[in-house]
Amino acid sequence: EDTPIRFGTPAFPVFGYNLKIFREDGSECDANEKGI
């Protein structure tokens, strides 16, 4: 899909990667929340 390019971001998780942003306690971060 020809999704819009936004500057300074590698965009979306690639197919096959169940990628998430995690807090340091192992829970999943909300949008705009920094994590691992």
All heavy atoms as atom14 arrays in JSON, in Angstrom:
{
  "sequence": "EDTPIRFGTPAFPVFGYNLKIFREDGSECDANEKGI",
  "atom14_mask": [
    [1, 1, 1, 1, 1, 1, 1, 1, 1, 0, 0, 0, 0, 0],
    [1, 1, 1, 1, 1, 1, 1, 1, 0, 0, 0, 0, 0, 0],
    [1, 1, 1, 1, 1, 1, 1, 0, 0, 0, 0, 0, 0, 0],
    [1, 1, 1, 1, 1, 1, 1, 0, 0, 0, 0, 0, 0, 0],
    [1, 1, 1, 1, 1, 1, 1, 1, 0, 0, 0, 0, 0, 0],
    [1, 1, 1, 1, 1, 1, 1, 1, 1, 1, 1, 0, 0, 0],
    [1, 1, 1, 1, 1, 1, 1, 1, 1, 1, 1, 0, 0, 0],
    [1, 1, 1, 1, 0, 0, 0, 0, 0, 0, 0, 0, 0, 0],
    [1, 1, 1, 1, 1, 1, 1, 0, 0, 0, 0, 0, 0, 0],
    [1, 1, 1, 1, 1, 1, 1, 0, 0, 0, 0, 0, 0, 0],
    [1, 1, 1, 1, 1, 0, 0, 0, 0, 0, 0, 0, 0, 0],
    [1, 1, 1, 1, 1, 1, 1, 1, 1, 1, 1, 0, 0, 0],
    [1, 1, 1, 1, 1, 1, 1, 0, 0, 0, 0, 0, 0, 0],
    [1, 1, 1, 1, 1, 1, 1, 0, 0, 0, 0, 0, 0, 0],
    [1, 1, 1, 1, 1, 1, 1, 1, 1, 1, 1, 0, 0, 0],
    [1, 1, 1, 1, 0, 0, 0, 0, 0, 0, 0, 0, 0, 0],
    [1, 1, 1, 1, 1, 1, 1, 1, 1, 1, 1, 1, 0, 0],
    [1, 1, 1, 1, 1, 1, 1, 1, 0, 0, 0, 0, 0, 0],
    [1, 1, 1, 1, 1, 1, 1, 1, 0, 0, 0, 0, 0, 0],
    [1, 1, 1, 1, 1, 1, 1, 1, 1, 0, 0, 0, 0, 0],
    [1, 1, 1, 1, 1, 1, 1, 1, 0, 0, 0, 0, 0, 0],
    [1, 1, 1, 1, 1, 1, 1, 1, 1, 1, 1, 0, 0, 0],
    [1, 1, 1, 1, 1, 1, 1, 1, 1, 1, 1, 0, 0, 0],
    [1, 1, 1, 1, 1, 1, 1, 1, 1, 0, 0, 0, 0, 0],
    [1, 1, 1, 1, 1, 1, 1, 1, 0, 0, 0, 0, 0, 0],
    [1, 1, 1, 1, 0, 0, 0, 0, 0, 0, 0, 0, 0, 0],
    [1, 1, 1, 1, 1, 1, 0, 0, 0, 0, 0, 0, 0, 0],
    [1, 1, 1, 1, 1, 1, 1, 1, 1, 0, 0, 0, 0, 0],
    [1, 1, 1, 1, 1, 1, 0, 0, 0, 0, 0, 0, 0, 0],
    [1, 1, 1, 1, 1, 1, 1, 1, 0, 0, 0, 0, 0, 0],
    [1, 1, 1, 1, 1, 0, 0, 0, 0, 0, 0, 0, 0, 0],
    [1, 1, 1, 1, 1, 1, 1, 1, 0, 0, 0, 0, 0, 0],
    [1, 1, 1, 1, 1, 1, 1, 1, 1, 0, 0, 0, 0, 0],
    [1, 1, 1, 1, 1, 1, 1, 1, 1, 0, 0, 0, 0, 0],
    [1, 1, 1, 1, 0, 0, 0, 0, 0, 0, 0, 0, 0, 0],
    [1, 1, 1, 1, 1, 1, 1, 1, 0, 0, 0, 0, 0, 0]
  ],
  "atom14_positions": [
    [[0.84, -1.19, 0.0], [0.0, 0.0, 0.0], [0.88, 1.24, 0.0], [1.88, 1.32, 0.72], [-0.93, 0.02, 1.23], [-1.89, 1.2, 1.23], [-2.77, 1.27, 2.48], [-2.63, 0.38, 3.35], [-3.56, 2.21, 2.58], [0.0, 0.0, 0.0], [0.0, 0.0, 0.0], [0.0, 0.0, 0.0], [0.0, 0.0, 0.0], [0.0, 0.0, 0.0]],
    [[0.47, 2.22, -0.78], [1.22, 3.47, -0.92], [0.86, 4.42, 0.21], [0.22, 5.45, -0.01], [0.89, 4.08, -2.28], [1.9, 5.13, -2.7], [2.86, 5.35, -1.95], [1.72, 5.73, -3.78], [0.0, 0.0, 0.0], [0.0, 0.0, 0.0], [0.0, 0.0, 0.0], [0.0, 0.0, 0.0], [0.0, 0.0, 0.0], [0.0, 0.0, 0.0]],
    [[1.27, 4.08, 1.43], [0.92, 4.9, 2.59], [1.77, 6.17, 2.61], [2.88, 6.2, 2.1], [1.14, 4.1, 3.9], [2.46, 3.53, 3.86], [0.13, 2.99, 4.04], [0.0, 0.0, 0.0], [0.0, 0.0, 0.0], [0.0, 0.0, 0.0], [0.0, 0.0, 0.0], [0.0, 0.0, 0.0], [0.0, 0.0, 0.0], [0.0, 0.0, 0.0]],
    [[1.27, 7.24, 3.22], [2.01, 8.51, 3.24], [3.34, 8.4, 3.99], [3.42, 7.72, 5.03], [1.06, 9.47, 3.97], [-0.29, 8.84, 3.9], [-0.06, 7.37, 3.87], [0.0, 0.0, 0.0], [0.0, 0.0, 0.0], [0.0, 0.0, 0.0], [0.0, 0.0, 0.0], [0.0, 0.0, 0.0], [0.0, 0.0, 0.0], [0.0, 0.0, 0.0]],
    [[4.37, 9.05, 3.45], [5.66, 9.12, 4.12], [5.63, 10.31, 5.07], [5.28, 11.42, 4.68], [6.8, 9.28, 3.1], [6.93, 8.01, 2.24], [8.12, 9.58, 3.79], [7.91, 8.15, 1.09], [0.0, 0.0, 0.0], [0.0, 0.0, 0.0], [0.0, 0.0, 0.0], [0.0, 0.0, 0.0], [0.0, 0.0, 0.0], [0.0, 0.0, 0.0]],
    [[5.99, 10.06, 6.31], [6.15, 11.15, 7.28], [7.63, 11.26, 7.63], [8.3, 10.24, 7.82], [5.32, 10.88, 8.54], [3.82, 10.9, 8.27], [3.04, 10.85, 9.56], [1.61, 10.74, 9.31], [0.71, 10.59, 10.28], [1.09, 10.52, 11.54], [-0.57, 10.49, 9.98], [0.0, 0.0, 0.0], [0.0, 0.0, 0.0], [0.0, 0.0, 0.0]],
    [[8.12, 12.47, 7.74], [9.55, 12.68, 7.97], [9.95, 12.25, 9.38], [9.25, 12.55, 10.35], [9.92, 14.14, 7.74], [9.68, 14.6, 6.33], [8.87, 15.7, 6.06], [10.25, 13.93, 5.26], [8.64, 16.13, 4.75], [10.03, 14.34, 3.95], [9.22, 15.44, 3.7], [0.0, 0.0, 0.0], [0.0, 0.0, 0.0], [0.0, 0.0, 0.0]],
    [[11.1, 11.56, 9.45], [11.66, 11.21, 10.75], [11.07, 9.98, 11.4], [11.3, 9.73, 12.57], [0.0, 0.0, 0.0], [0.0, 0.0, 0.0], [0.0, 0.0, 0.0], [0.0, 0.0, 0.0], [0.0, 0.0, 0.0], [0.0, 0.0, 0.0], [0.0, 0.0, 0.0], [0.0, 0.0, 0.0], [0.0, 0.0, 0.0], [0.0, 0.0, 0.0]],
    [[10.31, 9.18, 10.63], [9.73, 7.96, 11.2], [9.86, 6.8, 10.22], [9.6, 6.96, 9.03], [8.24, 8.14, 11.56], [7.64, 6.84, 11.77], [7.46, 8.85, 10.48], [0.0, 0.0, 0.0], [0.0, 0.0, 0.0], [0.0, 0.0, 0.0], [0.0, 0.0, 0.0], [0.0, 0.0, 0.0], [0.0, 0.0, 0.0], [0.0, 0.0, 0.0]],
    [[10.25, 5.62, 10.71], [10.27, 4.42, 9.87], [8.91, 3.77, 9.75], [8.8, 2.63, 9.27], [11.28, 3.51, 10.57], [11.21, 3.91, 12.0], [10.88, 5.37, 12.02], [0.0, 0.0, 0.0], [0.0, 0.0, 0.0], [0.0, 0.0, 0.0], [0.0, 0.0, 0.0], [0.0, 0.0, 0.0], [0.0, 0.0, 0.0], [0.0, 0.0, 0.0]],
    [[7.89, 4.44, 10.18], [6.48, 4.07, 9.93], [6.01, 2.86, 10.74], [6.0, 2.9, 11.96], [6.22, 3.91, 8.44], [0.0, 0.0, 0.0], [0.0, 0.0, 0.0], [0.0, 0.0, 0.0], [0.0, 0.0, 0.0], [0.0, 0.0, 0.0], [0.0, 0.0, 0.0], [0.0, 0.0, 0.0], [0.0, 0.0, 0.0], [0.0, 0.0, 0.0]],
    [[5.64, 1.78, 10.04], [4.83, 0.73, 10.65], [5.61, -0.57, 10.88], [6.58, -0.84, 10.17], [3.63, 0.4, 9.75], [2.92, 1.61, 9.23], [2.94, 1.93, 7.88], [2.23, 2.45, 10.1], [2.3, 3.06, 7.39], [1.58, 3.58, 9.61], [1.61, 3.89, 8.26], [0.0, 0.0, 0.0], [0.0, 0.0, 0.0], [0.0, 0.0, 0.0]],
    [[5.13, -1.4, 11.81], [5.72, -2.73, 11.94], [5.61, -3.49, 10.62], [4.58, -3.47, 9.95], [4.87, -3.4, 13.03], [4.32, -2.27, 13.82], [4.08, -1.16, 12.84], [0.0, 0.0, 0.0], [0.0, 0.0, 0.0], [0.0, 0.0, 0.0], [0.0, 0.0, 0.0], [0.0, 0.0, 0.0], [0.0, 0.0, 0.0], [0.0, 0.0, 0.0]],
    [[6.68, -4.15, 10.25], [6.7, -4.93, 9.02], [5.98, -6.26, 9.26], [6.0, -6.81, 10.37], [8.16, -5.15, 8.57], [8.28, -6.25, 7.52], [8.74, -3.84, 8.03], [0.0, 0.0, 0.0], [0.0, 0.0, 0.0], [0.0, 0.0, 0.0], [0.0, 0.0, 0.0], [0.0, 0.0, 0.0], [0.0, 0.0, 0.0], [0.0, 0.0, 0.0]],
    [[5.34, -6.76, 8.2], [4.64, -8.04, 8.27], [5.52, -9.12, 8.93], [6.71, -9.21, 8.67], [4.21, -8.49, 6.87], [5.29, -8.45, 5.83], [6.08, -9.56, 5.56], [5.52, -7.29, 5.09], [7.08, -9.52, 4.6], [6.53, -7.24, 4.12], [7.31, -8.37, 3.89], [0.0, 0.0, 0.0], [0.0, 0.0, 0.0], [0.0, 0.0, 0.0]],
    [[4.9, -9.89, 9.8], [5.61, -10.96, 10.5], [6.13, -10.57, 11.86], [6.36, -11.44, 12.7], [0.0, 0.0, 0.0], [0.0, 0.0, 0.0], [0.0, 0.0, 0.0], [0.0, 0.0, 0.0], [0.0, 0.0, 0.0], [0.0, 0.0, 0.0], [0.0, 0.0, 0.0], [0.0, 0.0, 0.0], [0.0, 0.0, 0.0], [0.0, 0.0, 0.0]],
    [[6.32, -9.27, 12.09], [6.84, -8.81, 13.39], [5.68, -8.35, 14.27], [5.05, -7.32, 13.99], [7.8, -7.63, 13.2], [9.12, -7.98, 12.59], [9.32, -7.87, 11.2], [10.2, -8.41, 13.37], [10.54, -8.18, 10.62], [11.42, -8.72, 12.78], [11.58, -8.61, 11.42], [12.8, -8.91, 10.84], [0.0, 0.0, 0.0], [0.0, 0.0, 0.0]],
    [[5.42, -9.08, 15.33], [4.4, -8.66, 16.31], [5.07, -7.66, 17.24], [5.39, -7.96, 18.4], [3.88, -9.88, 17.07], [2.64, -9.56, 17.89], [2.15, -8.42, 17.88], [2.13, -10.54, 18.6], [0.0, 0.0, 0.0], [0.0, 0.0, 0.0], [0.0, 0.0, 0.0], [0.0, 0.0, 0.0], [0.0, 0.0, 0.0], [0.0, 0.0, 0.0]],
    [[5.3, -6.47, 16.71], [6.11, -5.44, 17.36], [5.23, -4.54, 18.22], [4.18, -4.08, 17.77], [6.86, -4.64, 16.31], [7.85, -3.59, 16.78], [9.04, -3.51, 15.81], [7.2, -2.2, 16.89], [0.0, 0.0, 0.0], [0.0, 0.0, 0.0], [0.0, 0.0, 0.0], [0.0, 0.0, 0.0], [0.0, 0.0, 0.0], [0.0, 0.0, 0.0]],
    [[5.69, -4.29, 19.44], [4.96, -3.44, 20.37], [5.95, -2.57, 21.14], [7.15, -2.86, 21.18], [4.14, -4.28, 21.36], [3.12, -5.22, 20.7], [2.39, -6.07, 21.74], [1.46, -7.08, 21.08], [0.35, -6.44, 20.37], [0.0, 0.0, 0.0], [0.0, 0.0, 0.0], [0.0, 0.0, 0.0], [0.0, 0.0, 0.0], [0.0, 0.0, 0.0]],
    [[5.42, -1.52, 21.76], [6.22, -0.65, 22.64], [5.85, -1.01, 24.08], [4.68, -0.98, 24.45], [5.95, 0.84, 22.39], [6.05, 1.18, 20.89], [6.91, 1.7, 23.2], [7.42, 1.14, 20.31], [0.0, 0.0, 0.0], [0.0, 0.0, 0.0], [0.0, 0.0, 0.0], [0.0, 0.0, 0.0], [0.0, 0.0, 0.0], [0.0, 0.0, 0.0]],
    [[6.87, -1.37, 24.88], [6.62, -1.88, 26.22], [7.13, -0.93, 27.3], [8.2, -0.33, 27.16], [7.32, -3.24, 26.41], [6.74, -4.35, 25.59], [7.26, -4.65, 24.33], [5.67, -5.1, 26.06], [6.73, -5.68, 23.57], [5.13, -6.13, 25.31], [5.66, -6.42, 24.06], [0.0, 0.0, 0.0], [0.0, 0.0, 0.0], [0.0, 0.0, 0.0]],
    [[6.36, -0.87, 28.38], [6.86, -0.2, 29.59], [7.87, -1.14, 30.26], [7.95, -2.32, 29.94], [5.71, 0.09, 30.56], [4.63, 1.0, 29.99], [3.6, 1.35, 31.07], [2.51, 2.15, 30.5], [1.31, 1.67, 30.15], [1.04, 0.37, 30.32], [0.4, 2.45, 29.63], [0.0, 0.0, 0.0], [0.0, 0.0, 0.0], [0.0, 0.0, 0.0]],
    [[8.58, -0.59, 31.23], [9.63, -1.39, 31.87], [9.07, -2.48, 32.79], [9.82, -3.33, 33.25], [10.61, -0.48, 32.61], [11.44, 0.35, 31.63], [12.46, 1.24, 32.32], [13.52, 0.72, 32.71], [12.19, 2.44, 32.46], [0.0, 0.0, 0.0], [0.0, 0.0, 0.0], [0.0, 0.0, 0.0], [0.0, 0.0, 0.0], [0.0, 0.0, 0.0]],
    [[7.76, -2.47, 33.01], [7.16, -3.55, 33.78], [6.56, -4.64, 32.88], [5.94, -5.59, 33.37], [6.07, -3.01, 34.73], [4.88, -2.39, 33.98], [4.9, -2.4, 32.73], [3.96, -1.89, 34.65], [0.0, 0.0, 0.0], [0.0, 0.0, 0.0], [0.0, 0.0, 0.0], [0.0, 0.0, 0.0], [0.0, 0.0, 0.0], [0.0, 0.0, 0.0]],
    [[6.73, -4.5, 31.57], [6.25, -5.51, 30.64], [4.88, -5.22, 30.06], [4.42, -5.94, 29.17], [0.0, 0.0, 0.0], [0.0, 0.0, 0.0], [0.0, 0.0, 0.0], [0.0, 0.0, 0.0], [0.0, 0.0, 0.0], [0.0, 0.0, 0.0], [0.0, 0.0, 0.0], [0.0, 0.0, 0.0], [0.0, 0.0, 0.0], [0.0, 0.0, 0.0]],
    [[4.2, -4.2, 30.55], [2.89, -3.84, 29.99], [3.09, -3.02, 28.72], [4.15, -2.42, 28.5], [2.05, -3.07, 31.01], [2.72, -1.88, 31.42], [0.0, 0.0, 0.0], [0.0, 0.0, 0.0], [0.0, 0.0, 0.0], [0.0, 0.0, 0.0], [0.0, 0.0, 0.0], [0.0, 0.0, 0.0], [0.0, 0.0, 0.0], [0.0, 0.0, 0.0]],
    [[2.05, -2.98, 27.89], [2.16, -2.29, 26.61], [1.87, -0.8, 26.77], [0.93, -0.41, 27.46], [1.19, -2.92, 25.6], [1.47, -2.49, 24.17], [0.57, -3.19, 23.16], [-0.04, -4.22, 23.5], [0.47, -2.67, 22.03], [0.0, 0.0, 0.0], [0.0, 0.0, 0.0], [0.0, 0.0, 0.0], [0.0, 0.0, 0.0], [0.0, 0.0, 0.0]],
    [[2.69, 0.02, 26.11], [2.53, 1.47, 26.19], [1.3, 1.94, 25.4], [0.87, 1.3, 24.43], [3.76, 2.17, 25.6], [5.25, 2.04, 26.59], [0.0, 0.0, 0.0], [0.0, 0.0, 0.0], [0.0, 0.0, 0.0], [0.0, 0.0, 0.0], [0.0, 0.0, 0.0], [0.0, 0.0, 0.0], [0.0, 0.0, 0.0], [0.0, 0.0, 0.0]],
    [[0.76, 3.05, 25.83], [-0.28, 3.72, 25.07], [0.36, 4.53, 23.94], [1.6, 4.7, 23.9], [-1.08, 4.67, 25.98], [-1.85, 3.9, 27.05], [-2.31, 2.78, 26.76], [-1.96, 4.43, 28.18], [0.0, 0.0, 0.0], [0.0, 0.0, 0.0], [0.0, 0.0, 0.0], [0.0, 0.0, 0.0], [0.0, 0.0, 0.0], [0.0, 0.0, 0.0]],
    [[-0.44, 5.06, 23.05], [0.06, 5.94, 22.0], [0.78, 7.14, 22.62], [0.37, 7.65, 23.67], [-1.08, 6.41, 21.11], [0.0, 0.0, 0.0], [0.0, 0.0, 0.0], [0.0, 0.0, 0.0], [0.0, 0.0, 0.0], [0.0, 0.0, 0.0], [0.0, 0.0, 0.0], [0.0, 0.0, 0.0], [0.0, 0.0, 0.0], [0.0, 0.0, 0.0]],
    [[1.88, 7.55, 21.99], [2.68, 8.71, 22.42], [3.34, 8.52, 23.78], [3.73, 9.5, 24.41], [1.83, 9.98, 22.41], [1.29, 10.3, 21.04], [2.03, 10.32, 20.06], [-0.03, 10.5, 20.94], [0.0, 0.0, 0.0], [0.0, 0.0, 0.0], [0.0, 0.0, 0.0], [0.0, 0.0, 0.0], [0.0, 0.0, 0.0], [0.0, 0.0, 0.0]],
    [[3.5, 7.28, 24.19], [4.19, 6.99, 25.45], [5.49, 6.26, 25.13], [5.49, 5.25, 24.43], [3.3, 6.12, 26.34], [3.93, 5.79, 27.69], [3.06, 4.86, 28.54], [1.94, 4.51, 28.1], [3.51, 4.46, 29.63], [0.0, 0.0, 0.0], [0.0, 0.0, 0.0], [0.0, 0.0, 0.0], [0.0, 0.0, 0.0], [0.0, 0.0, 0.0]],
    [[6.6, 6.79, 25.62], [7.9, 6.21, 25.32], [8.11, 4.89, 26.04], [7.8, 4.76, 27.23], [9.01, 7.19, 25.72], [10.42, 6.7, 25.36], [11.45, 7.79, 25.5], [11.77, 8.07, 26.95], [12.87, 9.04, 27.09], [0.0, 0.0, 0.0], [0.0, 0.0, 0.0], [0.0, 0.0, 0.0], [0.0, 0.0, 0.0], [0.0, 0.0, 0.0]],
    [[8.61, 3.91, 25.32], [8.91, 2.61, 25.91], [9.97, 1.88, 25.11], [10.63, 2.46, 24.23], [0.0, 0.0, 0.0], [0.0, 0.0, 0.0], [0.0, 0.0, 0.0], [0.0, 0.0, 0.0], [0.0, 0.0, 0.0], [0.0, 0.0, 0.0], [0.0, 0.0, 0.0], [0.0, 0.0, 0.0], [0.0, 0.0, 0.0], [0.0, 0.0, 0.0]],
    [[10.12, 0.6, 25.4], [11.14, -0.23, 24.76], [10.5, -0.96, 23.58], [9.44, -1.57, 23.71], [11.73, -1.23, 25.76], [12.38, -0.47, 26.93], [12.76, -2.14, 25.08], [12.63, -1.32, 28.16], [0.0, 0.0, 0.0], [0.0, 0.0, 0.0], [0.0, 0.0, 0.0], [0.0, 0.0, 0.0], [0.0, 0.0, 0.0], [0.0, 0.0, 0.0]]
  ]
}
